Each structure stands twice: as C-alpha cells, then as structure tokens.
Protein backbone atom coordinates (compact mmCIF):
# COMPACT_ATOMS: atom_id res chain seq x y z
CA MET A 1 0.00 0.00 0.00
CA THR A 2 1.14 3.56 -0.63
CA LEU A 3 1.89 5.75 2.38
CA ALA A 4 -0.99 8.10 1.59
CA SER A 5 -3.47 5.23 1.24
CA LEU A 6 -2.78 4.05 4.82
CA TYR A 7 -4.64 7.12 6.03
CA GLN A 8 -7.65 6.92 3.75
CA SER A 9 -9.75 4.51 5.81
CA ASN A 10 -11.86 5.21 8.88
CA GLU A 11 -9.28 3.53 11.10
CA CYS A 12 -6.61 5.40 13.02
CA ALA A 13 -3.31 4.26 11.48
CA VAL A 14 -0.76 3.58 14.24
CA SER A 15 2.97 3.69 13.53
CA PHE A 16 6.10 3.50 15.70
CA GLU A 17 9.50 5.20 15.49
CA LEU A 18 12.73 3.40 16.37
CA PHE A 19 16.41 4.37 16.39
CA PRO A 20 19.44 2.22 15.50
CA PRO A 21 20.94 0.50 18.59
CA LYS A 22 24.69 0.69 19.16
CA THR A 23 25.21 -2.96 20.13
CA PRO A 24 24.07 -6.40 18.92
CA GLU A 25 22.31 -6.83 22.28
CA GLY A 26 20.44 -3.60 21.62
CA VAL A 27 19.31 -4.91 18.24
CA ASP A 28 18.03 -8.13 19.85
CA LEU A 29 16.09 -6.14 22.44
CA LEU A 30 14.66 -3.87 19.75
CA CYS A 31 13.42 -6.89 17.78
CA LYS A 32 11.69 -8.28 20.90
CA ASN A 33 9.99 -4.93 21.49
CA VAL A 34 8.90 -4.73 17.86
CA GLU A 35 7.27 -8.15 18.21
CA ARG A 36 5.42 -6.94 21.31
CA LEU A 37 4.23 -3.78 19.54
CA MET A 38 2.72 -5.84 16.73
CA GLN A 39 -0.29 -6.61 18.96
CA PHE A 40 -1.50 -3.05 18.31
CA GLY A 41 -1.77 -3.50 14.55
CA PRO A 42 0.74 -0.89 13.37
CA LYS A 43 0.77 0.07 9.71
CA TYR A 44 4.53 0.64 9.51
CA PHE A 45 7.72 1.34 11.48
CA THR A 46 10.23 4.16 10.97
CA CYS A 47 13.88 4.34 11.98
CA THR A 48 16.09 7.37 12.55
CA TYR A 49 19.87 7.51 12.27
CA GLY A 50 22.69 9.19 14.15
CA ALA A 51 23.75 12.81 13.75
CA GLY A 52 25.23 13.59 10.37
CA GLY A 53 24.34 10.18 8.98
CA SER A 54 26.68 8.35 11.36
CA SER A 55 24.51 5.23 11.54
CA ARG A 56 22.79 5.10 8.16
CA GLY A 57 24.05 1.61 7.48
CA THR A 58 22.74 0.39 10.83
CA THR A 59 19.40 2.05 10.11
CA LEU A 60 19.01 -0.02 6.95
CA GLU A 61 20.01 -3.19 8.81
CA VAL A 62 17.41 -2.47 11.51
CA LEU A 63 14.69 -1.81 8.95
CA LYS A 64 15.55 -5.01 7.11
CA LYS A 65 15.16 -6.98 10.37
CA VAL A 66 11.93 -5.19 11.25
CA LYS A 67 10.49 -5.93 7.84
CA GLU A 68 11.44 -9.60 8.16
CA ILE A 69 9.77 -9.80 11.58
CA THR A 70 6.61 -7.86 10.78
CA ARG A 71 6.09 -8.13 7.01
CA LEU A 72 5.09 -4.47 7.22
CA PRO A 73 6.27 -1.44 5.28
CA VAL A 74 9.26 0.40 6.77
CA ALA A 75 10.46 3.99 6.53
CA SER A 76 13.96 5.41 6.81
CA HIS A 77 14.71 8.90 8.01
CA LEU A 78 16.94 10.92 5.69
CA THR A 79 18.47 14.36 6.28
CA CYS A 80 20.46 16.80 4.20
CA VAL A 81 23.18 17.14 6.86
CA GLY A 82 26.69 16.45 5.60
CA SER A 83 25.54 14.93 2.31
CA THR A 84 25.90 15.83 -1.34
CA VAL A 85 23.11 15.15 -3.79
CA GLU A 86 25.17 12.18 -4.96
CA ASP A 87 25.37 10.85 -1.39
CA LEU A 88 21.62 11.23 -0.91
CA THR A 89 20.85 9.57 -4.23
CA GLY A 90 23.17 6.69 -3.37
CA TYR A 91 21.50 6.15 0.00
CA LEU A 92 18.03 6.27 -1.54
CA GLN A 93 19.04 3.68 -4.12
CA GLN A 94 20.48 1.43 -1.43
CA ALA A 95 17.40 1.87 0.76
CA LYS A 96 15.10 0.97 -2.11
CA GLU A 97 17.17 -2.12 -2.96
CA GLN A 98 16.91 -3.25 0.68
CA GLY A 99 13.14 -2.99 0.71
CA VAL A 100 12.53 0.41 2.31
CA ASP A 101 9.07 1.64 1.34
CA TYR A 102 8.94 5.19 2.66
CA ILE A 103 11.29 8.06 3.51
CA VAL A 104 10.91 10.59 6.33
CA ALA A 105 12.51 13.56 4.57
CA LEU A 106 14.13 16.12 6.89
CA ARG A 107 16.57 18.97 6.62
CA GLY A 108 18.20 17.76 9.81
CA ASP A 109 19.60 19.45 12.91
CA PRO A 110 22.90 21.36 12.83
CA PRO A 111 25.87 19.10 13.64
CA LYS A 112 26.90 18.87 17.28
CA GLY A 113 28.94 21.88 18.36
CA THR A 114 27.22 24.26 15.95
CA ASP A 115 24.00 26.20 16.24
CA GLN A 116 23.31 26.87 12.59
CA PHE A 117 22.66 24.56 9.66
CA GLU A 118 25.26 24.88 6.89
CA LYS A 119 24.60 23.48 3.44
CA THR A 120 27.16 20.91 2.33
CA GLU A 121 28.89 21.83 -0.92
CA GLY A 122 26.99 19.98 -3.63
CA GLY A 123 24.19 19.25 -1.20
CA LEU A 124 20.75 20.57 -0.31
CA LYS A 125 19.72 23.38 2.02
CA TYR A 126 16.03 22.70 2.65
CA ALA A 127 13.78 19.69 3.22
CA ASN A 128 11.54 20.67 0.28
CA GLU A 129 14.57 20.22 -2.00
CA LEU A 130 15.05 16.71 -0.60
CA VAL A 131 11.38 15.94 -1.25
CA GLU A 132 11.81 17.17 -4.84
CA LEU A 133 14.88 14.95 -5.29
CA ILE A 134 13.03 11.87 -4.03
CA ARG A 135 9.98 12.58 -6.18
CA GLU A 136 12.13 13.10 -9.26
CA LYS A 137 14.40 10.07 -8.96
CA PHE A 138 12.46 7.63 -6.72
CA GLY A 139 8.85 8.49 -7.40
CA ASP A 140 7.44 5.26 -5.97
CA LEU A 141 8.82 5.89 -2.47
CA GLY A 142 6.30 7.31 0.01
CA ILE A 143 7.40 10.56 1.64
CA ALA A 144 6.64 11.90 5.11
CA VAL A 145 7.77 15.34 6.27
CA ALA A 146 7.91 16.97 9.70
CA GLY A 147 5.50 19.55 11.08
CA TYR A 148 5.92 21.58 14.25
CA PRO A 149 2.77 22.37 16.29
CA GLU A 150 4.74 24.73 18.53
CA THR A 151 6.97 26.09 15.71
CA HIS A 152 10.43 24.88 14.71
CA GLN A 153 13.07 26.22 17.07
CA GLU A 154 14.88 28.03 14.24
CA ALA A 155 11.78 29.53 12.60
CA VAL A 156 11.16 33.27 12.71
CA ASP A 157 7.52 32.74 13.66
CA PHE A 158 4.59 30.33 13.33
CA ASP A 159 3.40 31.63 9.94
CA THR A 160 6.87 31.43 8.40
CA ASP A 161 7.25 27.88 9.67
CA LEU A 162 3.87 26.95 8.22
CA ALA A 163 4.84 28.40 4.83
CA ASN A 164 7.96 26.21 4.91
CA LEU A 165 5.79 23.18 5.60
CA LYS A 166 3.54 24.01 2.65
CA ARG A 167 6.60 24.11 0.38
CA LYS A 168 7.48 20.59 1.52
CA VAL A 169 3.97 19.32 0.88
CA ASP A 170 3.73 21.07 -2.49
CA ALA A 171 7.03 19.42 -3.47
CA GLY A 172 5.36 16.03 -3.15
CA ALA A 173 5.08 14.88 0.48
CA ASP A 174 2.34 12.31 1.17
CA ILE A 175 1.83 13.05 4.87
CA VAL A 176 2.98 15.32 7.68
CA ILE A 177 4.15 13.75 10.97
CA THR A 178 4.37 16.25 13.80
CA GLN A 179 7.01 16.85 16.37
CA LEU A 180 5.98 15.62 19.81
CA PHE A 181 3.71 17.80 21.93
CA TYR A 182 2.18 17.43 25.38
CA ASP A 183 -0.91 19.63 24.94
CA ASN A 184 -3.40 18.55 22.27
CA THR A 185 -4.62 22.13 21.94
CA ASP A 186 -1.30 22.93 20.25
CA PHE A 187 -1.91 20.17 17.72
CA TYR A 188 -5.49 21.23 16.93
CA ARG A 189 -4.39 24.85 16.40
CA PHE A 190 -1.64 23.61 14.07
CA ARG A 191 -4.03 21.31 12.17
CA ASP A 192 -6.52 24.15 11.64
CA ALA A 193 -3.75 26.43 10.40
CA CYS A 194 -2.58 23.77 7.93
CA ASP A 195 -6.10 23.46 6.59
CA ALA A 196 -6.45 27.23 6.27
CA ILE A 197 -3.43 27.57 3.96
CA GLY A 198 -4.27 24.57 1.80
CA ILE A 199 -2.10 21.80 3.25
CA ASN A 200 -4.41 18.95 2.31
CA VAL A 201 -2.41 15.82 3.17
CA PRO A 202 -2.96 13.80 6.38
CA ILE A 203 -1.59 15.55 9.48
CA VAL A 204 -0.40 12.79 11.81
CA PRO A 205 0.26 13.72 15.45
CA GLY A 206 3.49 12.46 17.01
CA VAL A 207 3.20 11.33 20.64
CA LEU A 208 5.97 10.47 23.09
CA PRO A 209 4.97 8.76 26.35
CA VAL A 210 7.46 10.26 28.80
CA THR A 211 8.48 8.03 31.67
CA ASN A 212 10.39 10.45 33.92
CA PHE A 213 10.43 14.20 34.38
CA LYS A 214 14.12 14.73 33.59
CA GLN A 215 13.56 12.99 30.26
CA ALA A 216 10.52 15.17 29.60
CA GLN A 217 12.49 18.34 30.36
CA ARG A 218 15.46 17.33 28.22
CA ILE A 219 13.37 16.38 25.20
CA ALA A 220 11.11 19.41 25.54
CA SER A 221 14.12 21.74 25.58
CA MET A 222 15.56 20.08 22.48
CA CYS A 223 12.41 20.46 20.39
CA LYS A 224 10.81 23.57 21.91
CA ALA A 225 7.81 21.68 23.30
CA SER A 226 6.05 23.08 26.35
CA ILE A 227 5.14 20.87 29.32
CA PRO A 228 1.65 21.61 30.70
CA ASP A 229 1.60 22.76 34.31
CA ALA A 230 -0.64 19.86 35.36
CA LEU A 231 1.76 17.27 33.90
CA GLN A 232 4.77 18.98 35.43
CA SER A 233 3.10 19.17 38.83
CA ALA A 234 2.00 15.53 38.76
CA MET A 235 5.43 14.24 37.74
CA THR A 236 7.37 16.31 40.27
CA GLU A 237 5.21 15.59 43.30
CA ASN A 238 7.01 12.27 43.71
CA ASP A 239 10.42 11.25 42.34
CA ASP A 240 9.64 7.54 42.54
CA PRO A 241 10.36 6.04 39.07
CA GLN A 242 7.16 3.99 39.05
CA HIS A 243 5.08 7.06 39.92
CA GLN A 244 6.65 9.12 37.15
CA PHE A 245 6.22 6.27 34.66
CA ARG A 246 2.54 5.96 35.56
CA VAL A 247 1.91 9.71 35.29
CA GLY A 248 3.64 9.95 31.91
CA VAL A 249 1.87 6.93 30.46
CA ASP A 250 -1.52 8.07 31.75
CA HIS A 251 -0.98 11.49 30.17
CA ALA A 252 -0.08 9.96 26.80
CA ARG A 253 -3.11 7.68 27.05
CA GLU A 254 -5.42 10.65 27.66
CA GLN A 255 -3.77 12.44 24.75
CA THR A 256 -4.45 9.42 22.57
CA ILE A 257 -8.10 9.11 23.58
CA ASP A 258 -8.68 12.80 22.92
CA LEU A 259 -6.93 12.64 19.53
CA LEU A 260 -9.08 9.66 18.54
CA LYS A 261 -12.24 11.55 19.52
CA ASN A 262 -11.11 14.44 17.35
CA GLY A 263 -10.71 12.40 14.20
CA VAL A 264 -6.97 12.14 13.61
CA PRO A 265 -6.09 9.89 10.65
CA GLY A 266 -3.27 8.23 12.57
CA ILE A 267 -0.87 8.54 15.49
CA HIS A 268 2.91 8.14 15.31
CA TYR A 269 4.49 7.01 18.59
CA TYR A 270 8.08 7.81 19.50
CA VAL A 271 8.80 4.69 21.54
CA LEU A 272 12.58 5.09 22.10
CA ASN A 273 13.10 1.40 21.20
CA LYS A 274 11.01 0.30 24.19
CA SER A 275 7.57 -1.25 24.29
CA GLU A 276 6.45 -1.06 27.92
CA ALA A 277 5.10 2.52 27.91
CA ALA A 278 3.45 2.16 24.50
CA ALA A 279 1.89 -1.16 25.48
CA GLU A 280 0.54 0.32 28.70
CA LEU A 281 -1.06 3.35 27.05
CA LEU A 282 -2.48 1.47 24.05
CA ASP A 283 -3.82 -1.55 25.93
CA GLY A 284 -7.58 -1.71 25.50
CA LEU A 285 -7.78 1.14 22.97
C-alpha cells in the first residue's frame, strides 16, 4: 500500500518510530519490542539515524530486520546534513534495494557543536529540496515530512514555519508527521492552520509517552515543546520512578483518547526502542 493510502480509511493508522541501537544486544532487544508492539496493529515502522548520517548503514540493517519480523512497510529517516546530492541519491538507491518503502525527509539538525545549519557543498539546504529529489528520482517511495505544532526552534515565527511546511507538501510529500507535543490544543491549532493555507495531506500527530520528568524536560528543551503545568506538577510531586512512569503513560493515554475523539487519521508514537510505555497506554484502545 502507498503511504498516503494508509490514512484513507476510517481507522486510526498507528505507527512507531525506532532508532538504531549501538550494540548487537540492543538490536536483539529492539526486535523483541517490535514483536510486542505488533499486537496493536501498526501500519509501519520508521527508523532514525545518528547525527550527520553516522549510523545510516545500521538504520538499513534495523529496517531489514523489522520488515522480516513484521512483514510491514518500513520507513527510513533521511536528512540533508553532511551529504551531497550524490550521497543522498546513493542512499536512496540502497534503501530501495533493501526494501525500504517510505522516507521521512528532513533537513536535519545542525551538527553537534554548531547552532546553525550549513549546506554541504553539492548538497541541499532545505527539506523541500530533498522531497523534490526523491519525487524526481524515486517516485514510488512514500514521503513523510515533519510539522511543528509549537513552531520549529529556528523559525522566525509560526506563519513562516507553516509556509515552509507548505513548500514541503507542495514538493510532493504524502503526509505530515508532527514533532511531539504534550498539549493537544497545540496540535489542533496547528491542524486548523494547515487546513487554512491549503495543506491537504494527512496531518499525523506524534506522541511520546514520557516516563520520567528529567527525560521530559530534556526532550522538551531540544524540540521547543512546552510541558503543561498539570503534567509537570504531577510528575514532580514524587520522584519515585514507578510514579513518574505511571503519570507519563496516563498522560499519553489521555492524549491518545482525545486525539481519537477528534478524528486524527493516525498517530505516530516515539517509543525510544522500548515497548512497555506504548503497550501500557495502548492496551484496551
């Protein structure tokens, strides 16, 4: 099935994001967690890679294993960081040959130690250019792009960020997957704004079940996501790990229920290669 077609039914299409482990033991554990997550009927899995493309080869190995285990479509992240057009084309060809079905096309974060993205000589500067490259040379690959309910941290303002998103969609993206958020109101405002400027592809919310407050703070600071006062208060009233896990999972579960009630076409879960939190929040839904 094409990526776009996964979101054309009345069902909510669930998908999960993984990252490439650094050890063989990590790969084994990831595979066990993938098997556990299959009980929730996911439509596909995605896999990131390390900064600057440092683990692209491992990403393809992980996706190959996941596809063998699940018989489901798989998606590789791809960024413009540190790559020429030739590099990107070579990776896309390799990914296609290894059975990758979809690409999550991103500009990518600035390399560690820098605070500004610099275009590689012979490379691409914007995610919409990467989408154009994929559409031109690998037209049968599905393409997802990133959206930011609370605005990308480098964007001048919300409207400018939204205009950038429209360029990515107009270049040929099939769906938008959002950055994580902890307040569904931010997502609904973003979805309405997308509709108002003619972004007419599925807008898929990205949800991360946080399991401790330090993790929530660290991730929120990295991606400019605000933590609601009620969640912050509940997680900090007790530093017991089991309490914080329960609060975070319950919050993500309530987010999920509310998103389902408000007609989202799918939900993309950032599971951090674990299955316990996702299994807890999805059980019975």
